[in-house]
N, C-alpha and C. Protein backbone atom coordinates (compact mmCIF):
# COMPACT_ATOMS: atom_id res chain seq x y z
N MET A 1 10.62 3.31 -15.99
CA MET A 1 12.05 3.29 -15.82
C MET A 1 12.61 1.89 -16.03
N LYS A 2 11.84 0.88 -15.61
CA LYS A 2 12.30 -0.49 -15.76
C LYS A 2 12.38 -0.88 -17.23
N LYS A 3 11.46 -0.35 -18.04
CA LYS A 3 11.48 -0.65 -19.47
C LYS A 3 12.76 -0.13 -20.12
N ILE A 4 13.20 1.04 -19.71
CA ILE A 4 14.44 1.61 -20.25
C ILE A 4 15.62 0.75 -19.82
N ALA A 5 15.62 0.28 -18.59
CA ALA A 5 16.72 -0.55 -18.09
C ALA A 5 16.81 -1.86 -18.86
N ASN A 6 15.69 -2.39 -19.32
CA ASN A 6 15.70 -3.63 -20.10
C ASN A 6 16.34 -3.43 -21.46
N HIS A 7 16.28 -2.24 -22.00
CA HIS A 7 16.79 -1.97 -23.33
C HIS A 7 18.25 -1.49 -23.33
N LEU A 8 18.78 -1.11 -22.19
CA LEU A 8 20.12 -0.53 -22.14
C LEU A 8 21.21 -1.42 -22.74
N PRO A 9 21.26 -2.72 -22.44
CA PRO A 9 22.32 -3.53 -23.07
C PRO A 9 22.24 -3.53 -24.59
N HIS A 10 21.04 -3.49 -25.13
CA HIS A 10 20.88 -3.45 -26.59
C HIS A 10 21.40 -2.13 -27.14
N TYR A 11 21.06 -1.05 -26.47
CA TYR A 11 21.50 0.26 -26.96
C TYR A 11 23.01 0.45 -26.81
N PHE A 12 23.59 -0.13 -25.77
CA PHE A 12 25.05 -0.05 -25.62
C PHE A 12 25.75 -0.77 -26.76
N SER A 13 25.20 -1.91 -27.18
CA SER A 13 25.81 -2.61 -28.31
C SER A 13 25.67 -1.80 -29.59
N LEU A 14 24.55 -1.14 -29.78
CA LEU A 14 24.36 -0.29 -30.96
C LEU A 14 25.32 0.90 -30.93
N ILE A 15 25.45 1.52 -29.77
CA ILE A 15 26.38 2.65 -29.64
C ILE A 15 27.81 2.18 -29.88
N GLY A 16 28.15 1.00 -29.39
CA GLY A 16 29.48 0.45 -29.63
C GLY A 16 29.73 0.20 -31.11
N LEU A 17 28.75 -0.35 -31.80
CA LEU A 17 28.86 -0.58 -33.24
C LEU A 17 29.09 0.73 -33.98
N MET A 18 28.33 1.74 -33.63
CA MET A 18 28.47 3.03 -34.31
C MET A 18 29.79 3.71 -33.95
N ALA A 19 30.23 3.58 -32.71
CA ALA A 19 31.50 4.19 -32.30
C ALA A 19 32.67 3.55 -33.05
N VAL A 20 32.66 2.23 -33.18
CA VAL A 20 33.73 1.55 -33.92
C VAL A 20 33.71 1.97 -35.38
N ALA A 21 32.52 2.10 -35.95
CA ALA A 21 32.42 2.51 -37.36
C ALA A 21 32.93 3.94 -37.55
N ILE A 22 32.55 4.84 -36.67
CA ILE A 22 33.02 6.22 -36.78
C ILE A 22 34.54 6.28 -36.62
N PHE A 23 35.06 5.53 -35.66
CA PHE A 23 36.51 5.47 -35.47
C PHE A 23 37.19 4.96 -36.74
N GLY A 24 36.64 3.91 -37.34
CA GLY A 24 37.21 3.37 -38.57
C GLY A 24 37.14 4.35 -39.73
N LEU A 25 36.03 5.06 -39.84
CA LEU A 25 35.89 6.04 -40.92
C LEU A 25 36.91 7.16 -40.78
N VAL A 26 37.16 7.58 -39.55
CA VAL A 26 38.12 8.66 -39.31
C VAL A 26 39.56 8.17 -39.50
N MET A 27 39.86 7.00 -38.98
CA MET A 27 41.24 6.49 -39.03
C MET A 27 41.67 6.10 -40.45
N PHE A 28 40.73 5.67 -41.27
CA PHE A 28 41.07 5.24 -42.62
C PHE A 28 40.55 6.24 -43.66
N ASP A 29 40.72 7.52 -43.38
CA ASP A 29 40.22 8.54 -44.29
C ASP A 29 40.97 8.56 -45.61
N TYR A 30 42.09 7.89 -45.70
CA TYR A 30 42.87 7.85 -46.94
C TYR A 30 42.44 6.72 -47.87
N ASP A 31 41.59 5.80 -47.41
CA ASP A 31 41.22 4.63 -48.20
C ASP A 31 39.70 4.59 -48.39
N GLN A 32 39.24 5.09 -49.53
CA GLN A 32 37.80 5.16 -49.78
C GLN A 32 37.16 3.78 -49.87
N GLY A 33 37.89 2.81 -50.38
CA GLY A 33 37.35 1.46 -50.48
C GLY A 33 37.07 0.86 -49.12
N PHE A 34 38.01 1.05 -48.20
CA PHE A 34 37.83 0.53 -46.85
C PHE A 34 36.73 1.29 -46.12
N GLN A 35 36.65 2.59 -46.34
CA GLN A 35 35.57 3.37 -45.74
C GLN A 35 34.21 2.90 -46.25
N THR A 36 34.15 2.56 -47.53
CA THR A 36 32.90 2.04 -48.09
C THR A 36 32.52 0.73 -47.41
N ALA A 37 33.50 -0.14 -47.21
CA ALA A 37 33.24 -1.41 -46.53
C ALA A 37 32.75 -1.18 -45.10
N ILE A 38 33.34 -0.20 -44.42
CA ILE A 38 32.91 0.13 -43.06
C ILE A 38 31.48 0.65 -43.08
N ALA A 39 31.15 1.52 -44.03
CA ALA A 39 29.81 2.09 -44.12
C ALA A 39 28.77 1.01 -44.41
N VAL A 40 29.08 0.11 -45.33
CA VAL A 40 28.16 -0.98 -45.65
C VAL A 40 27.98 -1.89 -44.44
N SER A 41 29.07 -2.17 -43.74
CA SER A 41 29.00 -3.01 -42.54
C SER A 41 28.16 -2.34 -41.45
N LEU A 42 28.33 -1.04 -41.28
CA LEU A 42 27.53 -0.31 -40.30
C LEU A 42 26.05 -0.36 -40.67
N SER A 43 25.74 -0.14 -41.92
CA SER A 43 24.36 -0.17 -42.37
C SER A 43 23.74 -1.54 -42.15
N PHE A 44 24.47 -2.58 -42.53
CA PHE A 44 23.98 -3.94 -42.34
C PHE A 44 23.84 -4.27 -40.85
N GLY A 45 24.82 -3.86 -40.06
CA GLY A 45 24.77 -4.11 -38.62
C GLY A 45 23.60 -3.42 -37.95
N TYR A 46 23.31 -2.19 -38.37
CA TYR A 46 22.17 -1.46 -37.81
C TYR A 46 20.87 -2.17 -38.15
N PHE A 47 20.75 -2.63 -39.39
CA PHE A 47 19.54 -3.34 -39.81
C PHE A 47 19.37 -4.63 -39.01
N VAL A 48 20.42 -5.41 -38.91
CA VAL A 48 20.36 -6.68 -38.17
C VAL A 48 20.09 -6.42 -36.69
N TRP A 49 20.74 -5.39 -36.13
CA TRP A 49 20.51 -5.05 -34.73
C TRP A 49 19.04 -4.75 -34.49
N GLY A 50 18.44 -3.95 -35.36
CA GLY A 50 17.03 -3.59 -35.19
C GLY A 50 16.11 -4.79 -35.27
N VAL A 51 16.36 -5.67 -36.22
CA VAL A 51 15.52 -6.86 -36.36
C VAL A 51 15.66 -7.76 -35.14
N ILE A 52 16.88 -7.99 -34.70
CA ILE A 52 17.10 -8.84 -33.52
C ILE A 52 16.49 -8.21 -32.27
N HIS A 53 16.66 -6.91 -32.12
CA HIS A 53 16.11 -6.20 -30.96
C HIS A 53 14.59 -6.39 -30.89
N HIS A 54 13.92 -6.24 -32.01
CA HIS A 54 12.46 -6.37 -32.00
C HIS A 54 12.03 -7.83 -31.91
N MET A 55 12.84 -8.76 -32.42
CA MET A 55 12.51 -10.18 -32.24
C MET A 55 12.58 -10.56 -30.77
N ILE A 56 13.58 -10.08 -30.07
CA ILE A 56 13.72 -10.39 -28.65
C ILE A 56 12.52 -9.87 -27.86
N HIS A 57 12.05 -8.69 -28.21
CA HIS A 57 10.94 -8.08 -27.49
C HIS A 57 9.58 -8.45 -28.08
N LYS A 58 9.59 -9.33 -29.06
CA LYS A 58 8.38 -9.89 -29.66
C LYS A 58 7.45 -8.81 -30.22
N ASP A 59 8.03 -7.80 -30.82
CA ASP A 59 7.22 -6.79 -31.50
C ASP A 59 7.77 -6.50 -32.89
N LEU A 60 8.21 -7.57 -33.55
CA LEU A 60 8.75 -7.44 -34.90
C LEU A 60 7.62 -7.61 -35.91
N TYR A 61 7.42 -6.59 -36.72
CA TYR A 61 6.43 -6.62 -37.78
C TYR A 61 7.11 -6.23 -39.09
N PHE A 62 6.44 -6.54 -40.18
CA PHE A 62 7.01 -6.25 -41.49
C PHE A 62 7.29 -4.76 -41.65
N VAL A 63 6.42 -3.92 -41.12
CA VAL A 63 6.61 -2.47 -41.22
C VAL A 63 7.88 -2.05 -40.47
N VAL A 64 8.16 -2.68 -39.35
CA VAL A 64 9.36 -2.36 -38.59
C VAL A 64 10.60 -2.76 -39.38
N VAL A 65 10.55 -3.92 -40.04
CA VAL A 65 11.68 -4.36 -40.87
C VAL A 65 11.91 -3.36 -42.00
N LEU A 66 10.83 -2.93 -42.65
CA LEU A 66 10.96 -1.94 -43.73
C LEU A 66 11.52 -0.62 -43.21
N GLU A 67 11.12 -0.24 -42.01
CA GLU A 67 11.63 1.01 -41.43
C GLU A 67 13.13 0.92 -41.19
N TYR A 68 13.58 -0.17 -40.58
CA TYR A 68 15.02 -0.32 -40.35
C TYR A 68 15.79 -0.42 -41.66
N LEU A 69 15.22 -1.10 -42.64
CA LEU A 69 15.87 -1.21 -43.94
C LEU A 69 15.99 0.16 -44.61
N SER A 70 14.91 0.95 -44.57
CA SER A 70 14.95 2.26 -45.22
C SER A 70 15.90 3.22 -44.50
N VAL A 71 15.92 3.20 -43.18
CA VAL A 71 16.83 4.08 -42.44
C VAL A 71 18.28 3.67 -42.67
N SER A 72 18.53 2.36 -42.72
CA SER A 72 19.91 1.92 -42.95
C SER A 72 20.37 2.27 -44.36
N ILE A 73 19.50 2.15 -45.35
CA ILE A 73 19.86 2.53 -46.72
C ILE A 73 20.07 4.04 -46.82
N LEU A 74 19.20 4.81 -46.19
CA LEU A 74 19.35 6.26 -46.21
C LEU A 74 20.66 6.68 -45.54
N GLY A 75 20.97 6.08 -44.40
CA GLY A 75 22.23 6.38 -43.73
C GLY A 75 23.43 6.00 -44.58
N LEU A 76 23.33 4.87 -45.28
CA LEU A 76 24.42 4.44 -46.15
C LEU A 76 24.62 5.43 -47.29
N VAL A 77 23.53 5.90 -47.87
CA VAL A 77 23.62 6.88 -48.96
C VAL A 77 24.28 8.17 -48.46
N VAL A 78 23.91 8.61 -47.28
CA VAL A 78 24.51 9.83 -46.72
C VAL A 78 26.00 9.65 -46.49
N ILE A 79 26.39 8.53 -45.88
CA ILE A 79 27.81 8.30 -45.61
C ILE A 79 28.59 8.17 -46.91
N LEU A 80 28.05 7.42 -47.87
CA LEU A 80 28.76 7.26 -49.15
C LEU A 80 28.88 8.58 -49.90
N SER A 81 27.86 9.43 -49.78
CA SER A 81 27.96 10.74 -50.45
C SER A 81 29.04 11.60 -49.80
N LEU A 82 29.27 11.42 -48.50
CA LEU A 82 30.35 12.15 -47.84
C LEU A 82 31.71 11.57 -48.20
N ILE A 83 31.77 10.26 -48.39
CA ILE A 83 33.04 9.62 -48.75
C ILE A 83 33.45 10.00 -50.17
N TYR A 84 32.51 9.97 -51.10
CA TYR A 84 32.82 10.17 -52.52
C TYR A 84 32.45 11.57 -53.01
N ARG A 85 32.52 12.57 -52.17
CA ARG A 85 32.17 13.93 -52.61
C ARG A 85 33.27 14.55 -53.43
């Protein structure tokens, strides 16, 4: 239980980042360019968040970086496909 409590501030920041991005995507549904910028920012923020999170906990490995990079790119592709459908 203590391990989960140590990670909560990190997860709250990630949830906040995603909530702001979702809010922006919904509020600016008329501007595809701005939605694209929000999606790219979310993808980059998720990647950076993951790297920093694992650096703080001293378990950052190259495979972890590749995993966060691949998930962020996949998420970006999904969001962009919804924006430009």
